[in-house]
PDB file of all heavy atoms in Angstrom:
ATOM      1  N   VAL A   1       0.728  -1.230  -0.003  1.00  0.00           N
ATOM      2  CA  VAL A   1      -0.003  -0.014   0.008  1.00  0.00           C
ATOM      3  C   VAL A   1       0.815   1.302  -0.032  1.00  0.00           C
ATOM      4  O   VAL A   1       0.204   2.362  -0.150  1.00  0.00           O
ATOM      5  CB  VAL A   1      -0.983   0.011   1.189  1.00  0.00           C
ATOM      6  CG1 VAL A   1      -2.051  -1.109   1.059  1.00  0.00           C
ATOM      7  CG2 VAL A   1      -0.268  -0.057   2.570  1.00  0.00           C
ATOM      8  N   ALA A   2       2.098   1.201   0.186  1.00  0.00           N
ATOM      9  CA  ALA A   2       2.879   2.477   0.262  1.00  0.00           C
ATOM     10  C   ALA A   2       2.661   3.419  -1.022  1.00  0.00           C
ATOM     11  O   ALA A   2       2.505   4.556  -0.930  1.00  0.00           O
ATOM     12  CB  ALA A   2       4.375   2.106   0.442  1.00  0.00           C
ATOM     13  N   HIS A   3       2.679   2.682  -2.168  1.00  0.00           N
ATOM     14  CA  HIS A   3       2.641   3.470  -3.414  1.00  0.00           C
ATOM     15  C   HIS A   3       1.240   4.094  -3.649  1.00  0.00           C
ATOM     16  O   HIS A   3       1.154   5.054  -4.428  1.00  0.00           O
ATOM     17  CB  HIS A   3       2.982   2.586  -4.612  1.00  0.00           C
ATOM     18  CG  HIS A   3       4.380   2.126  -4.610  1.00  0.00           C
ATOM     19  ND1 HIS A   3       4.810   1.041  -3.908  1.00  0.00           N
ATOM     20  CD2 HIS A   3       5.564   2.683  -5.131  1.00  0.00           C
ATOM     21  CE1 HIS A   3       6.179   0.852  -4.025  1.00  0.00           C
ATOM     22  NE2 HIS A   3       6.541   1.813  -4.763  1.00  0.00           N
ATOM     23  N   THR A   4       0.196   3.546  -3.003  1.00  0.00           N
ATOM     24  CA  THR A   4      -1.170   3.940  -3.424  1.00  0.00           C
ATOM     25  C   THR A   4      -1.551   5.315  -2.983  1.00  0.00           C
ATOM     26  O   THR A   4      -2.415   5.904  -3.561  1.00  0.00           O
ATOM     27  CB  THR A   4      -2.115   2.898  -2.769  1.00  0.00           C
ATOM     28  OG1 THR A   4      -3.456   3.136  -3.386  1.00  0.00           O
ATOM     29  CG2 THR A   4      -2.301   3.046  -1.260  1.00  0.00           C
ATOM     30  N   SER A   5      -0.880   5.907  -1.980  1.00  0.00           N
ATOM     31  CA  SER A   5      -1.349   7.151  -1.430  1.00  0.00           C
ATOM     32  C   SER A   5      -0.327   8.244  -1.653  1.00  0.00           C
ATOM     33  O   SER A   5       0.939   8.052  -1.478  1.00  0.00           O
ATOM     34  CB  SER A   5      -1.567   7.096   0.050  1.00  0.00           C
ATOM     35  OG  SER A   5      -2.616   6.220   0.325  1.00  0.00           O
ATOM     36  N   VAL A   6      -0.770   9.444  -2.059  1.00  0.00           N
ATOM     37  CA  VAL A   6       0.061  10.610  -2.281  1.00  0.00           C
ATOM     38  C   VAL A   6      -0.535  11.766  -1.538  1.00  0.00           C
ATOM     39  O   VAL A   6      -1.813  12.013  -1.711  1.00  0.00           O
ATOM     40  CB  VAL A   6       0.184  11.023  -3.800  1.00  0.00           C
ATOM     41  CG1 VAL A   6       1.018  12.215  -3.988  1.00  0.00           C
ATOM     42  CG2 VAL A   6       0.569   9.794  -4.658  1.00  0.00           C
ATOM     43  N   LEU A   7       0.275  12.462  -0.705  1.00  0.00           N
ATOM     44  CA  LEU A   7      -0.203  13.629  -0.035  1.00  0.00           C
ATOM     45  C   LEU A   7       0.060  14.869  -0.886  1.00  0.00           C
ATOM     46  O   LEU A   7       1.176  15.116  -1.213  1.00  0.00           O
ATOM     47  CB  LEU A   7       0.486  13.751   1.302  1.00  0.00           C
ATOM     48  CG  LEU A   7       0.141  15.098   2.078  1.00  0.00           C
ATOM     49  CD1 LEU A   7      -1.311  15.092   2.572  1.00  0.00           C
ATOM     50  CD2 LEU A   7       1.067  15.294   3.266  1.00  0.00           C
ATOM     51  N   LEU A   8      -1.067  15.596  -1.330  1.00  0.00           N
ATOM     52  CA  LEU A   8      -0.889  16.761  -2.131  1.00  0.00           C
ATOM     53  C   LEU A   8      -1.132  17.995  -1.268  1.00  0.00           C
ATOM     54  O   LEU A   8      -2.086  17.977  -0.469  1.00  0.00           O
ATOM     55  CB  LEU A   8      -1.863  16.739  -3.257  1.00  0.00           C
ATOM     56  CG  LEU A   8      -1.719  15.619  -4.321  1.00  0.00           C
ATOM     57  CD1 LEU A   8      -2.866  15.758  -5.340  1.00  0.00           C
ATOM     58  CD2 LEU A   8      -0.405  15.575  -4.879  1.00  0.00           C
ATOM     59  N   PHE A   9      -0.252  18.968  -1.401  1.00  0.00           N
ATOM     60  CA  PHE A   9      -0.440  20.204  -0.630  1.00  0.00           C
ATOM     61  C   PHE A   9       0.077  21.393  -1.464  1.00  0.00           C
ATOM     62  O   PHE A   9       0.851  21.232  -2.414  1.00  0.00           O
ATOM     63  CB  PHE A   9       0.264  20.133   0.761  1.00  0.00           C
ATOM     64  CG  PHE A   9       1.705  19.896   0.615  1.00  0.00           C
ATOM     65  CD1 PHE A   9       2.610  20.973   0.562  1.00  0.00           C
ATOM     66  CD2 PHE A   9       2.247  18.610   0.712  1.00  0.00           C
ATOM     67  CE1 PHE A   9       3.948  20.782   0.485  1.00  0.00           C
ATOM     68  CE2 PHE A   9       3.588  18.411   0.673  1.00  0.00           C
ATOM     69  CZ  PHE A   9       4.531  19.516   0.555  1.00  0.00           C
ATOM     70  N   ASN A  10      -0.408  22.582  -1.066  1.00  0.00           N
ATOM     71  CA  ASN A  10       0.075  23.776  -1.677  1.00  0.00           C
ATOM     72  C   ASN A  10       0.977  24.635  -0.845  1.00  0.00           C
ATOM     73  O   ASN A  10       1.016  24.439   0.365  1.00  0.00           O
ATOM     74  CB  ASN A  10      -1.191  24.686  -2.156  1.00  0.00           C
ATOM     75  CG  ASN A  10      -2.101  24.986  -0.953  1.00  0.00           C
ATOM     76  OD1 ASN A  10      -2.315  24.109  -0.003  1.00  0.00           O
ATOM     77  ND2 ASN A  10      -2.723  26.133  -0.903  1.00  0.00           N
ATOM     78  N   ILE A  11       1.827  25.411  -1.499  1.00  0.00           N
ATOM     79  CA  ILE A  11       2.706  26.281  -0.794  1.00  0.00           C
ATOM     80  C   ILE A  11       2.116  27.634  -0.554  1.00  0.00           C
ATOM     81  O   ILE A  11       1.540  28.255  -1.557  1.00  0.00           O
ATOM     82  CB  ILE A  11       4.134  26.459  -1.583  1.00  0.00           C
ATOM     83  CG1 ILE A  11       4.742  25.033  -1.750  1.00  0.00           C
ATOM     84  CG2 ILE A  11       4.959  27.487  -0.928  1.00  0.00           C
ATOM     85  CD1 ILE A  11       5.159  24.436  -0.489  1.00  0.00           C
ATOM     86  N   LEU A  12       2.188  28.157   0.683  1.00  0.00           N
ATOM     87  CA  LEU A  12       1.519  29.431   0.991  1.00  0.00           C
ATOM     88  C   LEU A  12       2.474  30.598   0.918  1.00  0.00           C
ATOM     89  O   LEU A  12       1.965  31.713   0.530  1.00  0.00           O
ATOM     90  CB  LEU A  12       0.962  29.291   2.450  1.00  0.00           C
ATOM     91  CG  LEU A  12       0.013  28.090   2.753  1.00  0.00           C
ATOM     92  CD1 LEU A  12      -0.366  28.074   4.149  1.00  0.00           C
ATOM     93  CD2 LEU A  12      -1.226  28.197   1.882  1.00  0.00           C
ATOM     94  N   ASP A  13       3.726  30.428   1.204  1.00  0.00           N
ATOM     95  CA  ASP A  13       4.639  31.585   1.253  1.00  0.00           C
ATOM     96  C   ASP A  13       6.044  30.995   1.300  1.00  0.00           C
ATOM     97  O   ASP A  13       6.315  29.834   1.514  1.00  0.00           O
ATOM     98  CB  ASP A  13       4.303  32.456   2.469  1.00  0.00           C
ATOM     99  CG  ASP A  13       4.805  33.897   2.274  1.00  0.00           C
ATOM    100  OD1 ASP A  13       5.461  34.177   1.239  1.00  0.00           O
ATOM    101  OD2 ASP A  13       4.596  34.757   3.155  1.00  0.00           O
ATOM    102  N   VAL A  14       7.000  31.900   1.119  1.00  0.00           N
ATOM    103  CA  VAL A  14       8.478  31.553   1.080  1.00  0.00           C
ATOM    104  C   VAL A  14       9.157  32.605   1.927  1.00  0.00           C
ATOM    105  O   VAL A  14       8.968  33.768   1.850  1.00  0.00           O
ATOM    106  CB  VAL A  14       8.929  31.567  -0.357  1.00  0.00           C
ATOM    107  CG1 VAL A  14      10.479  31.212  -0.342  1.00  0.00           C
ATOM    108  CG2 VAL A  14       8.249  30.608  -1.196  1.00  0.00           C
ATOM    109  N   SER A  15      10.135  32.057   2.727  1.00  0.00           N
ATOM    110  CA  SER A  15      11.049  32.925   3.408  1.00  0.00           C
ATOM    111  C   SER A  15      12.437  32.677   2.897  1.00  0.00           C
ATOM    112  O   SER A  15      12.837  31.546   2.822  1.00  0.00           O
ATOM    113  CB  SER A  15      11.096  32.596   4.995  1.00  0.00           C
ATOM    114  OG  SER A  15      11.992  33.420   5.665  1.00  0.00           O
ATOM    115  N   ARG A  16      13.042  33.735   2.445  1.00  0.00           N
ATOM    116  CA  ARG A  16      14.444  33.606   1.747  1.00  0.00           C
ATOM    117  C   ARG A  16      15.465  34.300   2.603  1.00  0.00           C
ATOM    118  O   ARG A  16      15.312  35.343   3.115  1.00  0.00           O
ATOM    119  CB  ARG A  16      14.369  34.125   0.443  1.00  0.00           C
ATOM    120  CG  ARG A  16      13.542  33.387  -0.600  1.00  0.00           C
ATOM    121  CD  ARG A  16      13.570  33.985  -2.006  1.00  0.00           C
ATOM    122  NE  ARG A  16      12.835  33.199  -2.971  1.00  0.00           N
ATOM    123  CZ  ARG A  16      12.609  33.521  -4.181  1.00  0.00           C
ATOM    124  NH1 ARG A  16      13.007  34.663  -4.595  1.00  0.00           N
ATOM    125  NH2 ARG A  16      11.947  32.701  -4.983  1.00  0.00           N
ATOM    126  N   PHE A  17      16.645  33.565   2.634  1.00  0.00           N
ATOM    127  CA  PHE A  17      17.800  34.173   3.339  1.00  0.00           C
ATOM    128  C   PHE A  17      18.568  34.858   2.288  1.00  0.00           C
ATOM    129  O   PHE A  17      19.722  34.567   1.951  1.00  0.00           O
ATOM    130  CB  PHE A  17      18.647  33.109   4.014  1.00  0.00           C
ATOM    131  CG  PHE A  17      17.990  32.497   5.174  1.00  0.00           C
ATOM    132  CD1 PHE A  17      17.017  31.489   5.053  1.00  0.00           C
ATOM    133  CD2 PHE A  17      18.135  32.922   6.454  1.00  0.00           C
ATOM    134  CE1 PHE A  17      16.420  30.881   6.137  1.00  0.00           C
ATOM    135  CE2 PHE A  17      17.566  32.398   7.570  1.00  0.00           C
ATOM    136  CZ  PHE A  17      16.652  31.402   7.465  1.00  0.00           C
ATOM    137  N   MET A  18      17.972  35.982   1.798  1.00  0.00           N
ATOM    138  CA  MET A  18      18.543  36.832   0.697  1.00  0.00           C
ATOM    139  C   MET A  18      18.347  38.301   1.048  1.00  0.00           C
ATOM    140  O   MET A  18      17.467  38.666   1.843  1.00  0.00           O
ATOM    141  CB  MET A  18      17.821  36.550  -0.661  1.00  0.00           C
ATOM    142  CG  MET A  18      17.975  35.173  -1.209  1.00  0.00           C
ATOM    143  SD  MET A  18      17.227  34.994  -2.838  1.00  0.00           S
ATOM    144  CE  MET A  18      18.302  36.049  -3.798  1.00  0.00           C
ATOM    145  N   PRO A  19      19.202  39.147   0.488  1.00  0.00           N
ATOM    146  CA  PRO A  19      19.095  40.493   0.771  1.00  0.00           C
ATOM    147  C   PRO A  19      17.753  40.968   0.200  1.00  0.00           C
ATOM    148  O   PRO A  19      17.329  40.553  -0.829  1.00  0.00           O
ATOM    149  CB  PRO A  19      20.288  41.229   0.001  1.00  0.00           C
ATOM    150  CG  PRO A  19      20.698  40.140  -1.028  1.00  0.00           C
ATOM    151  CD  PRO A  19      20.400  38.805  -0.422  1.00  0.00           C
ATOM    152  N   THR A  20      17.135  41.970   0.808  1.00  0.00           N
ATOM    153  CA  THR A  20      15.823  42.515   0.386  1.00  0.00           C
ATOM    154  C   THR A  20      16.058  43.443  -0.841  1.00  0.00           C
ATOM    155  O   THR A  20      15.123  43.613  -1.565  1.00  0.00           O
ATOM    156  CB  THR A  20      15.118  43.268   1.483  1.00  0.00           C
ATOM    157  OG1 THR A  20      15.975  44.250   1.982  1.00  0.00           O
ATOM    158  CG2 THR A  20      14.727  42.298   2.589  1.00  0.00           C
ATOM    159  N   HIS A  21      17.274  43.982  -1.012  1.00  0.00           N
ATOM    160  CA  HIS A  21      17.516  44.841  -2.124  1.00  0.00           C
ATOM    161  C   HIS A  21      19.051  44.830  -2.278  1.00  0.00           C
ATOM    162  O   HIS A  21      19.780  44.419  -1.429  1.00  0.00           O
ATOM    163  CB  HIS A  21      17.018  46.196  -1.854  1.00  0.00           C
ATOM    164  CG  HIS A  21      17.490  46.826  -0.576  1.00  0.00           C
ATOM    165  ND1 HIS A  21      16.879  46.645   0.626  1.00  0.00           N
ATOM    166  CD2 HIS A  21      18.584  47.573  -0.296  1.00  0.00           C
ATOM    167  CE1 HIS A  21      17.519  47.228   1.606  1.00  0.00           C
ATOM    168  NE2 HIS A  21      18.574  47.861   1.096  1.00  0.00           N
ATOM    169  N   GLU A  22      19.490  45.277  -3.473  1.00  0.00           N
ATOM    170  CA  GLU A  22      20.895  45.410  -3.748  1.00  0.00           C
ATOM    171  C   GLU A  22      21.554  46.341  -2.743  1.00  0.00           C
ATOM    172  O   GLU A  22      21.151  47.542  -2.690  1.00  0.00           O
ATOM    173  CB  GLU A  22      21.144  45.822  -5.179  1.00  0.00           C
ATOM    174  CG  GLU A  22      22.560  45.825  -5.674  1.00  0.00           C
ATOM    175  CD  GLU A  22      23.107  44.399  -5.887  1.00  0.00           C
ATOM    176  OE1 GLU A  22      22.259  43.454  -6.021  1.00  0.00           O
ATOM    177  OE2 GLU A  22      24.359  44.243  -5.771  1.00  0.00           O
ATOM    178  N   PRO A  23      22.672  46.009  -2.026  1.00  0.00           N
ATOM    179  CA  PRO A  23      23.237  46.903  -1.103  1.00  0.00           C
ATOM    180  C   PRO A  23      23.816  48.114  -1.836  1.00  0.00           C
ATOM    181  O   PRO A  23      24.381  48.047  -2.890  1.00  0.00           O
ATOM    182  CB  PRO A  23      24.333  46.013  -0.476  1.00  0.00           C
ATOM    183  CG  PRO A  23      24.018  44.620  -0.660  1.00  0.00           C
ATOM    184  CD  PRO A  23      23.231  44.655  -2.030  1.00  0.00           C
ATOM    185  N   GLN A  24      23.714  49.262  -1.063  1.00  0.00           N
ATOM    186  CA  GLN A  24      24.248  50.535  -1.539  1.00  0.00           C
ATOM    187  C   GLN A  24      25.310  50.949  -0.533  1.00  0.00           C
ATOM    188  O   GLN A  24      25.311  50.520   0.651  1.00  0.00           O
ATOM    189  CB  GLN A  24      23.188  51.628  -1.589  1.00  0.00           C
ATOM    190  CG  GLN A  24      21.994  51.287  -2.521  1.00  0.00           C
ATOM    191  CD  GLN A  24      22.417  51.150  -3.994  1.00  0.00           C
ATOM    192  OE1 GLN A  24      23.211  51.950  -4.468  1.00  0.00           O
ATOM    193  NE2 GLN A  24      21.938  50.084  -4.662  1.00  0.00           N
ATOM    194  N   ALA A  25      26.239  51.819  -0.963  1.00  0.00           N
ATOM    195  CA  ALA A  25      27.372  52.295  -0.127  1.00  0.00           C
ATOM    196  C   ALA A  25      26.783  53.002   1.048  1.00  0.00           C
ATOM    197  O   ALA A  25      25.789  53.810   0.916  1.00  0.00           O
ATOM    198  CB  ALA A  25      28.336  53.151  -0.887  1.00  0.00           C
ATOM    199  N   PRO A  26      27.386  52.800   2.251  1.00  0.00           N
ATOM    200  CA  PRO A  26      26.940  53.539   3.422  1.00  0.00           C
ATOM    201  C   PRO A  26      27.450  54.959   3.473  1.00  0.00           C
ATOM    202  O   PRO A  26      28.220  55.415   2.606  1.00  0.00           O
ATOM    203  CB  PRO A  26      27.574  52.723   4.595  1.00  0.00           C
ATOM    204  CG  PRO A  26      28.812  52.198   4.013  1.00  0.00           C
ATOM    205  CD  PRO A  26      28.518  51.905   2.527  1.00  0.00           C
ATOM    206  N   GLU A  27      26.917  55.696   4.452  1.00  0.00           N
ATOM    207  CA  GLU A  27      27.464  57.125   4.617  1.00  0.00           C
ATOM    208  C   GLU A  27      28.840  57.061   5.142  1.00  0.00           C
ATOM    209  O   GLU A  27      29.182  56.138   5.942  1.00  0.00           O
ATOM    210  CB  GLU A  27      26.494  57.869   5.494  1.00  0.00           C
ATOM    211  CG  GLU A  27      25.058  57.923   5.047  1.00  0.00           C
ATOM    212  CD  GLU A  27      24.893  58.768   3.824  1.00  0.00           C
ATOM    213  OE1 GLU A  27      25.762  59.709   3.574  1.00  0.00           O
ATOM    214  OE2 GLU A  27      24.002  58.520   3.036  1.00  0.00           O
ATOM    215  N   GLU A  28      29.668  58.031   4.816  1.00  0.00           N
ATOM    216  CA  GLU A  28      31.021  57.953   5.256  1.00  0.00           C
ATOM    217  C   GLU A  28      31.123  58.088   6.842  1.00  0.00           C
ATOM    218  O   GLU A  28      32.146  57.631   7.426  1.00  0.00           O
ATOM    219  CB  GLU A  28      31.840  59.151   4.615  1.00  0.00           C
ATOM    220  CG  GLU A  28      32.000  59.034   3.155  1.00  0.00           C
ATOM    221  CD  GLU A  28      32.928  60.118   2.585  1.00  0.00           C
ATOM    222  OE1 GLU A  28      33.337  60.921   3.371  1.00  0.00           O
ATOM    223  OE2 GLU A  28      33.133  60.123   1.371  1.00  0.00           O
ATOM    224  N   GLU A  29      30.128  58.756   7.432  1.00  0.00           N
ATOM    225  CA  GLU A  29      30.183  58.959   8.872  1.00  0.00           C
ATOM    226  C   GLU A  29      29.656  57.796   9.645  1.00  0.00           C
ATOM    227  O   GLU A  29      29.636  57.720  10.909  1.00  0.00           O
ATOM    228  CB  GLU A  29      29.513  60.183   9.261  1.00  0.00           C
ATOM    229  CG  GLU A  29      27.971  60.206   8.979  1.00  0.00           C
ATOM    230  CD  GLU A  29      27.668  60.685   7.599  1.00  0.00           C
ATOM    231  OE1 GLU A  29      28.562  60.782   6.761  1.00  0.00           O
ATOM    232  OE2 GLU A  29      26.434  61.088   7.283  1.00  0.00           O
ATOM    233  N   ASP A  30      29.200  56.702   9.016  1.00  0.00           N
ATOM    234  CA  ASP A  30      28.697  55.537   9.688  1.00  0.00           C
ATOM    235  C   ASP A  30      29.789  54.832  10.493  1.00  0.00           C
ATOM    236  O   ASP A  30      31.020  54.971  10.263  1.00  0.00           O
ATOM    237  CB  ASP A  30      28.118  54.486   8.587  1.00  0.00           C
ATOM    238  CG  ASP A  30      26.719  54.726   8.289  1.00  0.00           C
ATOM    239  OD1 ASP A  30      26.053  55.356   9.120  1.00  0.00           O
ATOM    240  OD2 ASP A  30      26.265  54.506   7.188  1.00  0.00           O
ATOM    241  N   ASN A  31      29.307  53.989  11.418  1.00  0.00           N
ATOM    242  CA  ASN A  31      30.230  53.274  12.376  1.00  0.00           C
ATOM    243  C   ASN A  31      31.217  52.422  11.464  1.00  0.00           C
ATOM    244  O   ASN A  31      30.915  51.961  10.422  1.00  0.00           O
ATOM    245  CB  ASN A  31      29.402  52.363  13.203  1.00  0.00           C
ATOM    246  CG  ASN A  31      30.149  51.677  14.303  1.00  0.00           C
ATOM    247  OD1 ASN A  31      30.847  50.675  13.999  1.00  0.00           O
ATOM    248  ND2 ASN A  31      30.100  52.129  15.485  1.00  0.00           N
ATOM    249  N   ASP A  32      32.375  52.167  12.026  1.00  0.00           N
ATOM    250  CA  ASP A  32      33.423  51.462  11.272  1.00  0.00           C
ATOM    251  C   ASP A  32      32.955  50.043  10.931  1.00  0.00           C
ATOM    252  O   ASP A  32      33.334  49.489   9.853  1.00  0.00           O
ATOM    253  CB  ASP A  32      34.758  51.311  12.188  1.00  0.00           C
ATOM    254  CG  ASP A  32      35.482  52.640  12.171  1.00  0.00           C
ATOM    255  OD1 ASP A  32      35.208  53.518  11.427  1.00  0.00           O
ATOM    256  OD2 ASP A  32      36.413  52.759  13.031  1.00  0.00           O
ATOM    257  N   ALA A  33      32.155  49.398  11.838  1.00  0.00           N
ATOM    258  CA  ALA A  33      31.719  48.101  11.484  1.00  0.00           C
ATOM    259  C   ALA A  33      30.754  48.059  10.272  1.00  0.00           C
ATOM    260  O   ALA A  33      30.821  47.119   9.434  1.00  0.00           O
ATOM    261  CB  ALA A  33      30.879  47.561  12.695  1.00  0.00           C
ATOM    262  N   ILE A  34      29.987  49.132  10.128  1.00  0.00           N
ATOM    263  CA  ILE A  34      29.172  49.268   8.923  1.00  0.00           C
ATOM    264  C   ILE A  34      30.032  49.432   7.688  1.00  0.00           C
ATOM    265  O   ILE A  34      29.821  48.781   6.638  1.00  0.00           O
ATOM    266  CB  ILE A  34      28.171  50.452   9.080  1.00  0.00           C
ATOM    267  CG1 ILE A  34      27.241  50.286  10.263  1.00  0.00           C
ATOM    268  CG2 ILE A  34      27.436  50.709   7.803  1.00  0.00           C
ATOM    269  CD1 ILE A  34      26.176  49.306  10.058  1.00  0.00           C
ATOM    270  N   LEU A  35      31.025  50.289   7.807  1.00  0.00           N
ATOM    271  CA  LEU A  35      31.911  50.532   6.584  1.00  0.00           C
ATOM    272  C   LEU A  35      32.708  49.266   6.281  1.00  0.00           C
ATOM    273  O   LEU A  35      32.871  48.954   5.067  1.00  0.00           O
ATOM    274  CB  LEU A  35      32.911  51.675   7.014  1.00  0.00           C
ATOM    275  CG  LEU A  35      32.271  53.079   7.251  1.00  0.00           C
ATOM    276  CD1 LEU A  35      33.299  53.990   7.760  1.00  0.00           C
ATOM    277  CD2 LEU A  35      31.565  53.520   6.037  1.00  0.00           C
ATOM    278  N   ASN A  36      33.059  48.489   7.286  1.00  0.00           N
ATOM    279  CA  ASN A  36      33.921  47.257   7.065  1.00  0.00           C
ATOM    280  C   ASN A  36      33.081  46.183   6.347  1.00  0.00           C
ATOM    281  O   ASN A  36      33.575  45.470   5.522  1.00  0.00           O
ATOM    282  CB  ASN A  36      34.504  46.829   8.319  1.00  0.00           C
ATOM    283  CG  ASN A  36      35.616  47.645   8.806  1.00  0.00           C
ATOM    284  OD1 ASN A  36      36.304  48.363   8.007  1.00  0.00           O
ATOM    285  ND2 ASN A  36      35.812  47.664  10.200  1.00  0.00           N
ATOM    286  N   ILE A  37      31.835  46.070   6.740  1.00  0.00           N
ATOM    287  CA  ILE A  37      31.026  44.990   6.139  1.00  0.00           C
ATOM    288  C   ILE A  37      30.696  45.381   4.645  1.00  0.00           C
ATOM    289  O   ILE A  37      30.637  44.445   3.851  1.00  0.00           O
ATOM    290  CB  ILE A  37      29.769  44.756   6.933  1.00  0.00           C
ATOM    291  CG1 ILE A  37      29.182  43.356   6.604  1.00  0.00           C
ATOM    292  CG2 ILE A  37      28.637  45.786   6.652  1.00  0.00           C
ATOM    293  CD1 ILE A  37      28.048  42.875   7.534  1.00  0.00           C
TER     294      ILE A  37
END
């Protein structure tokens, strides 16, 4: 009976470990940690 059953479901949403937008250069007066990253 293993083959006889298939569970079908839909995808509701996605969470991505990606930047939300293309990074832009920081302000020159920002903290050193910001400038270094």
